[in-house]
Amino acid sequence: MTKLEKIQTEISELPEADVAQLRAWLDELAEQQLDEQIERDAAAGKFDDMMAEALANHNAGRRRPL
């Protein structure tokens, strides 16, 4: 049995309240990891072209209210 399978078995045996608490923690972890990935991507310049295009469209009047 793999480590993941052991964890899955343990989770399946948890009371509902503990599963809800685990789910909330996993959601927070996923959000934190996404934020960190976005920060790494921004620092690496992965959004520079997108930002330049957005600013060019804005300056050219090609925009609409949200």
N, C-alpha and C. Protein backbone atom coordinates (compact mmCIF):
# COMPACT_ATOMS: atom_id res chain seq x y z
N MET A 1 0.85 -1.18 0.00
CA MET A 1 0.00 0.00 0.00
C MET A 1 0.90 1.25 0.00
N THR A 2 0.61 2.18 -0.88
CA THR A 2 1.40 3.41 -0.97
C THR A 2 1.04 4.35 0.18
N LYS A 3 1.89 5.34 0.36
CA LYS A 3 1.64 6.34 1.40
C LYS A 3 0.31 7.05 1.16
N LEU A 4 0.05 7.38 -0.12
CA LEU A 4 -1.21 8.04 -0.46
C LEU A 4 -2.41 7.15 -0.14
N GLU A 5 -2.31 5.88 -0.47
CA GLU A 5 -3.41 4.96 -0.17
C GLU A 5 -3.65 4.86 1.33
N LYS A 6 -2.59 4.87 2.12
CA LYS A 6 -2.74 4.84 3.58
C LYS A 6 -3.46 6.09 4.07
N ILE A 7 -3.06 7.23 3.53
CA ILE A 7 -3.70 8.49 3.92
C ILE A 7 -5.17 8.47 3.54
N GLN A 8 -5.47 8.00 2.33
CA GLN A 8 -6.86 7.94 1.88
C GLN A 8 -7.69 7.04 2.79
N THR A 9 -7.11 5.92 3.20
CA THR A 9 -7.82 5.01 4.10
C THR A 9 -8.09 5.69 5.43
N GLU A 10 -7.08 6.36 5.96
CA GLU A 10 -7.23 7.06 7.24
C GLU A 10 -8.31 8.14 7.13
N ILE A 11 -8.29 8.90 6.05
CA ILE A 11 -9.28 9.95 5.87
C ILE A 11 -10.68 9.38 5.79
N SER A 12 -10.84 8.27 5.11
CA SER A 12 -12.17 7.67 4.97
C SER A 12 -12.74 7.21 6.31
N GLU A 13 -11.88 7.06 7.29
CA GLU A 13 -12.33 6.61 8.61
C GLU A 13 -12.53 7.77 9.59
N LEU A 14 -12.27 8.98 9.15
CA LEU A 14 -12.42 10.15 10.02
C LEU A 14 -13.89 10.52 10.20
N PRO A 15 -14.23 11.11 11.33
CA PRO A 15 -15.58 11.66 11.50
C PRO A 15 -15.79 12.83 10.53
N GLU A 16 -17.04 13.11 10.20
CA GLU A 16 -17.37 14.15 9.23
C GLU A 16 -16.76 15.50 9.61
N ALA A 17 -16.79 15.83 10.87
CA ALA A 17 -16.25 17.12 11.31
C ALA A 17 -14.76 17.22 11.02
N ASP A 18 -14.04 16.15 11.21
CA ASP A 18 -12.61 16.15 10.93
C ASP A 18 -12.34 16.24 9.43
N VAL A 19 -13.18 15.59 8.64
CA VAL A 19 -13.04 15.67 7.18
C VAL A 19 -13.28 17.11 6.73
N ALA A 20 -14.27 17.77 7.31
CA ALA A 20 -14.54 19.17 6.97
C ALA A 20 -13.35 20.06 7.34
N GLN A 21 -12.77 19.80 8.48
CA GLN A 21 -11.60 20.57 8.91
C GLN A 21 -10.42 20.31 7.97
N LEU A 22 -10.22 19.09 7.58
CA LEU A 22 -9.15 18.73 6.65
C LEU A 22 -9.38 19.39 5.30
N ARG A 23 -10.62 19.37 4.83
CA ARG A 23 -10.96 19.99 3.55
C ARG A 23 -10.63 21.49 3.59
N ALA A 24 -10.98 22.15 4.68
CA ALA A 24 -10.70 23.58 4.81
C ALA A 24 -9.18 23.82 4.78
N TRP A 25 -8.43 22.98 5.47
CA TRP A 25 -6.98 23.12 5.48
C TRP A 25 -6.40 22.89 4.08
N LEU A 26 -6.90 21.90 3.38
CA LEU A 26 -6.42 21.63 2.02
C LEU A 26 -6.75 22.79 1.08
N ASP A 27 -7.92 23.39 1.25
CA ASP A 27 -8.29 24.56 0.45
C ASP A 27 -7.32 25.71 0.70
N GLU A 28 -7.01 25.96 1.97
CA GLU A 28 -6.06 27.02 2.31
C GLU A 28 -4.67 26.72 1.73
N LEU A 29 -4.25 25.47 1.82
CA LEU A 29 -2.96 25.07 1.28
C LEU A 29 -2.92 25.29 -0.23
N ALA A 30 -3.97 24.91 -0.92
CA ALA A 30 -4.04 25.09 -2.38
C ALA A 30 -3.98 26.57 -2.75
N GLU A 31 -4.68 27.41 -1.99
CA GLU A 31 -4.66 28.85 -2.25
C GLU A 31 -3.26 29.42 -2.03
N GLN A 32 -2.61 28.98 -0.97
CA GLN A 32 -1.25 29.44 -0.67
C GLN A 32 -0.29 29.02 -1.78
N GLN A 33 -0.40 27.79 -2.23
CA GLN A 33 0.48 27.29 -3.29
C GLN A 33 0.23 28.05 -4.60
N LEU A 34 -1.02 28.36 -4.89
CA LEU A 34 -1.34 29.12 -6.10
C LEU A 34 -0.76 30.53 -6.00
N ASP A 35 -0.92 31.17 -4.85
CA ASP A 35 -0.35 32.50 -4.66
C ASP A 35 1.16 32.48 -4.86
N GLU A 36 1.82 31.47 -4.32
CA GLU A 36 3.27 31.36 -4.46
C GLU A 36 3.66 31.14 -5.93
N GLN A 37 2.89 30.35 -6.66
CA GLN A 37 3.17 30.11 -8.07
C GLN A 37 3.00 31.40 -8.87
N ILE A 38 1.95 32.15 -8.57
CA ILE A 38 1.72 33.42 -9.27
C ILE A 38 2.87 34.38 -8.99
N GLU A 39 3.34 34.44 -7.74
CA GLU A 39 4.47 35.30 -7.40
C GLU A 39 5.72 34.88 -8.16
N ARG A 40 5.98 33.58 -8.25
CA ARG A 40 7.15 33.10 -9.00
C ARG A 40 7.03 33.45 -10.48
N ASP A 41 5.83 33.25 -11.04
CA ASP A 41 5.61 33.56 -12.45
C ASP A 41 5.78 35.06 -12.72
N ALA A 42 5.25 35.88 -11.82
CA ALA A 42 5.38 37.34 -11.98
C ALA A 42 6.84 37.75 -11.91
N ALA A 43 7.57 37.21 -10.96
CA ALA A 43 8.99 37.54 -10.81
C ALA A 43 9.79 37.09 -12.03
N ALA A 44 9.35 36.04 -12.68
CA ALA A 44 10.04 35.52 -13.87
C ALA A 44 9.61 36.25 -15.14
N GLY A 45 8.68 37.20 -15.01
CA GLY A 45 8.26 37.98 -16.17
C GLY A 45 7.22 37.32 -17.05
N LYS A 46 6.59 36.28 -16.55
CA LYS A 46 5.64 35.56 -17.38
C LYS A 46 4.37 36.35 -17.71
N PHE A 47 4.12 37.44 -16.97
CA PHE A 47 2.92 38.24 -17.21
C PHE A 47 3.22 39.54 -17.94
N ASP A 48 4.50 39.78 -18.24
CA ASP A 48 4.89 41.06 -18.82
C ASP A 48 4.20 41.33 -20.15
N ASP A 49 4.16 40.35 -21.04
CA ASP A 49 3.52 40.55 -22.34
C ASP A 49 2.03 40.81 -22.19
N MET A 50 1.39 40.08 -21.29
CA MET A 50 -0.04 40.26 -21.06
C MET A 50 -0.33 41.67 -20.52
N MET A 51 0.51 42.11 -19.59
CA MET A 51 0.33 43.44 -19.00
C MET A 51 0.56 44.52 -20.05
N ALA A 52 1.57 44.36 -20.88
CA ALA A 52 1.84 45.34 -21.92
C ALA A 52 0.66 45.44 -22.89
N GLU A 53 0.09 44.29 -23.24
CA GLU A 53 -1.06 44.29 -24.14
C GLU A 53 -2.26 44.97 -23.49
N ALA A 54 -2.49 44.68 -22.22
CA ALA A 54 -3.62 45.30 -21.51
C ALA A 54 -3.44 46.81 -21.42
N LEU A 55 -2.23 47.27 -21.12
CA LEU A 55 -1.99 48.71 -21.04
C LEU A 55 -2.14 49.38 -22.40
N ALA A 56 -1.67 48.70 -23.46
CA ALA A 56 -1.80 49.24 -24.80
C ALA A 56 -3.28 49.37 -25.17
N ASN A 57 -4.07 48.38 -24.86
CA ASN A 57 -5.52 48.43 -25.14
C ASN A 57 -6.17 49.54 -24.33
N HIS A 58 -5.80 49.67 -23.08
CA HIS A 58 -6.35 50.72 -22.23
C HIS A 58 -6.01 52.10 -22.80
N ASN A 59 -4.74 52.30 -23.12
CA ASN A 59 -4.30 53.60 -23.64
C ASN A 59 -4.93 53.91 -24.99
N ALA A 60 -5.29 52.90 -25.76
CA ALA A 60 -5.93 53.10 -27.05
C ALA A 60 -7.45 53.25 -26.94
N GLY A 61 -7.96 53.19 -25.71
CA GLY A 61 -9.40 53.35 -25.50
C GLY A 61 -10.20 52.09 -25.72
N ARG A 62 -9.51 50.97 -25.89
CA ARG A 62 -10.22 49.70 -26.08
C ARG A 62 -10.43 49.04 -24.71
N ARG A 63 -11.45 49.52 -24.04
CA ARG A 63 -11.76 48.98 -22.72
C ARG A 63 -13.25 49.14 -22.47
N ARG A 64 -13.71 48.41 -21.48
CA ARG A 64 -15.11 48.53 -21.11
C ARG A 64 -15.20 48.40 -19.59
N PRO A 65 -16.21 49.00 -18.98
CA PRO A 65 -16.35 48.88 -17.52
C PRO A 65 -16.65 47.46 -17.11
N LEU A 66 -16.19 47.13 -15.95
CA LEU A 66 -16.44 45.78 -15.43
C LEU A 66 -17.83 45.69 -14.85
